[in-house]
């Protein structure tokens, strides 16, 4: 019935986003959430995604031979370089009044090589806490990708995390904070240990340059068009290979 149709469409879209269409991770995540609870809604959303795909057949991730400067105005402290595994994380705090949504996009040499998004497993009490939970997931995903990448390229890339929440950066770096933020310091302990040991670096990234925003909430056309070049998604002639 409708459930089987919704599940079939969800499986096809999941296969697609796992390989190329990072711009659709939030939409497909919504289809997966509603497959059993509201299969007709899942089908409607899925059919909308198919229409979008039909209109963007020439959109593809471009892997370039050299790394371009990040942005145009030194948006981060450390320049993007050939030897960094760059983990961009973002979270939307309780967008529907419940659990927050986070997303992770991992870059190597300026192009995305892994991405993920999902609802958080616990309820965050603040935007900083939701960012820290998302950052923990990002670090875990980055450390899973690192061994495979290291074996492929023959070197161990530097691990760099970028987030647009300044409070989360301060807490993870171990900076002093108020007593009421103690629970956040506890939650960020694993990440702070990695940063203080030198295994990871973490920097603040202005929100408009954070490409992982693509997986945290529904986006309007203007914002999506801003994110496409940050995700190395470009228009190519002849469609997708």
Protein backbone atom coordinates (compact mmCIF):
# COMPACT_ATOMS: atom_id res chain seq x y z
CA UNK A 1 0.00 0.00 0.00
CA UNK A 2 0.96 3.58 0.64
CA UNK A 3 3.52 2.59 3.28
CA UNK A 4 5.40 0.35 0.84
CA UNK A 5 5.39 3.09 -1.79
CA UNK A 6 6.71 5.61 0.70
CA UNK A 7 9.42 3.21 1.90
CA UNK A 8 10.45 2.39 -1.67
CA UNK A 9 10.75 6.05 -2.62
CA UNK A 10 12.63 6.79 0.61
CA UNK A 11 15.13 4.03 -0.14
CA UNK A 12 15.78 5.37 -3.63
CA UNK A 13 16.26 8.93 -2.39
CA UNK A 14 18.51 7.77 0.46
CA UNK A 15 20.73 5.96 -2.05
CA UNK A 16 20.97 9.16 -4.09
CA UNK A 17 21.85 11.54 -1.25
CA UNK A 18 24.44 9.12 0.13
CA UNK A 19 26.38 9.50 -3.11
CA UNK A 20 25.97 12.98 -4.47
CA UNK A 21 23.04 15.21 -3.55
CA UNK A 22 24.07 16.61 -0.20
CA UNK A 23 21.66 19.51 -0.78
CA UNK A 24 18.73 17.12 -0.15
CA UNK A 25 19.74 15.55 3.16
CA UNK A 26 17.15 17.38 5.27
CA UNK A 27 14.27 16.76 2.86
CA UNK A 28 15.04 13.04 2.58
CA UNK A 29 15.42 12.84 6.35
CA UNK A 30 11.85 14.15 6.62
CA UNK A 31 10.63 11.51 4.17
CA UNK A 32 12.25 8.81 6.31
CA UNK A 33 10.66 10.18 9.49
CA UNK A 34 7.14 10.11 8.05
CA UNK A 35 7.27 6.79 6.18
CA UNK A 36 5.37 4.91 8.90
CA UNK A 37 3.66 7.70 10.84
CA UNK A 38 2.25 9.56 7.84
CA UNK A 39 3.08 7.69 4.62
CA UNK A 40 1.00 9.96 2.40
CA UNK A 41 2.89 12.99 3.70
CA UNK A 42 6.15 11.14 3.00
CA UNK A 43 5.01 10.43 -0.55
CA UNK A 44 4.01 14.03 -1.13
CA UNK A 45 7.37 15.31 0.12
CA UNK A 46 9.19 12.65 -1.86
CA UNK A 47 7.38 13.58 -5.07
CA UNK A 48 8.31 17.21 -4.46
CA UNK A 49 11.95 16.12 -4.20
CA UNK A 50 11.63 14.27 -7.52
CA UNK A 51 10.38 17.46 -9.19
CA UNK A 52 13.34 19.37 -7.75
CA UNK A 53 15.71 16.67 -9.01
CA UNK A 54 14.18 16.84 -12.46
CA UNK A 55 14.87 20.58 -12.52
CA UNK A 56 18.45 20.19 -11.24
CA UNK A 57 19.75 17.25 -13.26
CA UNK A 58 22.87 19.23 -14.19
CA UNK A 59 23.89 19.86 -10.57
CA UNK A 60 26.94 17.86 -9.47
CA UNK A 61 29.71 17.89 -6.86
CA UNK A 62 32.93 19.10 -8.47
CA UNK A 63 36.21 17.79 -7.04
CA UNK A 64 38.91 20.23 -8.09
CA UNK A 65 42.66 19.47 -8.20
CA UNK A 66 43.51 22.38 -5.93
CA UNK A 67 42.07 23.97 -2.81
CA UNK A 68 40.62 27.43 -3.18
CA UNK A 69 40.71 29.94 -0.28
CA UNK A 70 37.76 29.52 2.05
CA UNK A 71 35.22 32.20 1.17
CA UNK A 72 36.72 35.51 0.14
CA UNK A 73 37.39 37.44 3.34
CA UNK A 74 39.30 35.11 5.67
CA UNK A 75 36.13 33.85 7.37
CA UNK A 76 38.11 31.41 9.52
CA UNK A 77 41.34 31.87 11.46
CA UNK A 78 43.12 29.01 9.73
CA UNK A 79 43.32 28.91 5.94
CA UNK A 80 41.84 25.90 4.19
CA UNK A 81 44.73 23.65 3.10
CA UNK A 82 45.47 20.36 1.38
CA UNK A 83 46.17 18.46 4.59
CA UNK A 84 43.05 19.25 6.64
CA UNK A 85 39.93 17.18 7.16
CA UNK A 86 37.36 19.90 7.71
CA UNK A 87 34.24 19.04 9.72
CA UNK A 88 31.48 21.65 9.53
CA UNK A 89 28.65 21.22 12.04
CA UNK A 90 25.43 23.07 12.71
CA UNK A 91 22.30 22.55 14.80
CA UNK A 92 18.81 24.01 14.82
CA UNK A 93 17.61 24.28 18.42
CA UNK A 94 14.15 22.72 18.86
CA UNK A 95 12.75 23.81 15.47
CA UNK A 96 9.40 22.16 16.28
CA UNK A 97 9.52 22.63 20.05
CA UNK A 98 11.05 19.22 20.77
CA UNK A 99 14.43 17.73 20.01
CA UNK A 100 16.97 19.65 17.99
CA UNK A 101 18.22 18.79 14.52
CA UNK A 102 21.91 18.70 13.67
CA UNK A 103 23.93 18.21 10.50
CA UNK A 104 27.55 17.44 9.64
CA UNK A 105 29.37 17.94 6.35
CA UNK A 106 32.99 16.74 6.07
CA UNK A 107 35.31 18.35 3.52
CA UNK A 108 38.67 17.29 2.14
CA UNK A 109 40.54 19.56 -0.27
CA UNK A 110 37.57 21.88 -0.45
CA UNK A 111 34.89 19.38 -1.44
CA UNK A 112 32.44 17.31 0.64
CA UNK A 113 33.28 13.63 1.09
CA UNK A 114 30.79 12.65 3.83
CA UNK A 115 27.63 14.11 5.34
CA UNK A 116 24.86 13.25 7.77
CA UNK A 117 21.92 14.82 9.58
CA UNK A 118 19.33 13.74 12.12
CA UNK A 119 17.27 14.54 15.19
CA UNK A 120 19.25 14.53 18.41
CA UNK A 121 18.72 11.65 20.81
CA UNK A 122 18.14 13.91 23.84
CA UNK A 123 16.42 17.26 24.34
CA UNK A 124 18.87 20.18 24.36
CA UNK A 125 18.07 23.00 26.78
CA UNK A 126 19.86 25.69 24.75
CA UNK A 127 21.28 26.37 21.34
CA UNK A 128 24.81 25.95 22.73
CA UNK A 129 23.93 22.51 24.07
CA UNK A 130 22.41 21.44 20.75
CA UNK A 131 25.58 22.63 18.98
CA UNK A 132 27.77 20.67 21.41
CA UNK A 133 25.71 17.52 20.84
CA UNK A 134 26.01 18.07 17.09
CA UNK A 135 29.74 18.71 17.46
CA UNK A 136 30.19 15.41 19.32
CA UNK A 137 28.50 13.60 16.43
CA UNK A 138 30.70 15.51 13.98
CA UNK A 139 33.88 14.49 15.78
CA UNK A 140 32.80 10.86 15.82
CA UNK A 141 32.00 10.94 12.11
CA UNK A 142 35.29 12.68 11.34
CA UNK A 143 37.26 10.08 13.29
CA UNK A 144 35.44 7.33 11.37
CA UNK A 145 36.32 8.90 8.01
CA UNK A 146 39.95 9.64 8.96
CA UNK A 147 41.40 6.06 8.79
CA UNK A 148 39.90 5.43 5.35
CA UNK A 149 41.10 8.77 4.02
CA UNK A 150 44.56 8.33 5.55
CA UNK A 151 44.96 4.98 3.85
CA UNK A 152 43.87 6.42 0.51
CA UNK A 153 46.10 9.52 0.50
CA UNK A 154 49.01 8.17 2.52
CA UNK A 155 49.04 10.94 5.15
CA UNK A 156 47.11 11.74 8.31
CA UNK A 157 45.11 14.92 7.64
CA UNK A 158 44.76 17.56 10.34
CA UNK A 159 41.34 17.47 12.03
CA UNK A 160 39.51 20.80 12.07
CA UNK A 161 35.98 21.50 13.30
CA UNK A 162 33.99 24.59 12.29
CA UNK A 163 30.79 25.72 14.01
CA UNK A 164 28.83 28.97 13.97
CA UNK A 165 28.06 28.96 17.71
CA UNK A 166 30.65 31.05 19.57
CA UNK A 167 29.50 29.82 23.01
CA UNK A 168 30.04 26.19 22.00
CA UNK A 169 33.56 27.03 20.75
CA UNK A 170 34.47 28.69 24.06
CA UNK A 171 33.14 25.79 26.12
CA UNK A 172 34.91 23.15 24.01
CA UNK A 173 38.18 25.09 24.14
CA UNK A 174 37.98 25.03 27.93
CA UNK A 175 37.43 28.73 28.48
CA UNK A 176 35.96 29.77 31.82
CA UNK A 177 32.18 30.05 31.89
CA UNK A 178 29.41 30.67 34.41
CA UNK A 179 28.32 28.02 36.91
CA UNK A 180 25.00 27.62 35.12
CA UNK A 181 26.94 26.35 32.08
CA UNK A 182 28.63 23.56 34.04
CA UNK A 183 26.39 20.90 32.49
CA UNK A 184 27.54 22.06 29.05
CA UNK A 185 31.19 21.74 30.06
CA UNK A 186 30.48 18.21 31.22
CA UNK A 187 28.75 17.32 27.98
CA UNK A 188 31.62 18.80 25.96
CA UNK A 189 34.34 17.03 27.97
CA UNK A 190 35.22 14.44 25.33
CA UNK A 191 35.62 17.10 22.66
CA UNK A 192 37.54 19.41 24.98
CA UNK A 193 40.06 16.65 25.75
CA UNK A 194 40.69 16.17 22.03
CA UNK A 195 41.12 19.90 21.44
CA UNK A 196 43.43 20.46 24.42
CA UNK A 197 45.56 17.45 23.40
CA UNK A 198 46.02 18.91 19.93
CA UNK A 199 44.20 16.09 18.15
CA UNK A 200 41.54 18.54 16.93
CA UNK A 201 41.31 22.25 16.23
CA UNK A 202 38.03 24.14 16.51
CA UNK A 203 37.14 27.52 15.04
CA UNK A 204 34.11 29.75 14.83
CA UNK A 205 32.61 30.07 11.34
CA UNK A 206 30.11 32.76 10.45
CA UNK A 207 26.67 31.22 9.98
CA UNK A 208 26.20 32.31 6.39
CA UNK A 209 29.32 30.36 5.39
CA UNK A 210 28.40 27.20 7.31
CA UNK A 211 27.40 24.68 4.64
CA UNK A 212 26.02 22.18 7.19
CA UNK A 213 23.04 24.52 7.58
CA UNK A 214 21.65 22.56 4.63
CA UNK A 215 20.71 19.65 6.90
CA UNK A 216 19.20 21.43 9.91
CA UNK A 217 15.90 22.88 8.68
CA UNK A 218 13.81 23.69 5.58
CA UNK A 219 15.54 26.35 3.51
CA UNK A 220 14.21 28.90 1.07
CA UNK A 221 15.44 29.07 -2.49
CA UNK A 222 17.71 32.08 -1.87
CA UNK A 223 19.54 30.43 1.05
CA UNK A 224 19.86 27.13 -0.82
CA UNK A 225 21.45 28.92 -3.78
CA UNK A 226 23.97 30.49 -1.37
CA UNK A 227 24.92 27.08 -0.01
CA UNK A 228 25.35 25.25 -3.33
CA UNK A 229 28.81 26.71 -4.14
CA UNK A 230 29.93 26.17 -0.53
CA UNK A 231 29.03 22.49 -1.02
CA UNK A 232 30.98 22.39 -4.31
CA UNK A 233 27.72 21.76 -6.15
CA UNK A 234 27.99 23.32 -9.58
CA UNK A 235 26.03 23.27 -12.81
CA UNK A 236 27.61 21.11 -15.49
CA UNK A 237 26.59 20.52 -19.09
CA UNK A 238 25.31 17.12 -20.04
CA UNK A 239 23.72 16.32 -16.68
CA UNK A 240 24.96 13.98 -13.98
CA UNK A 241 27.16 11.09 -15.08
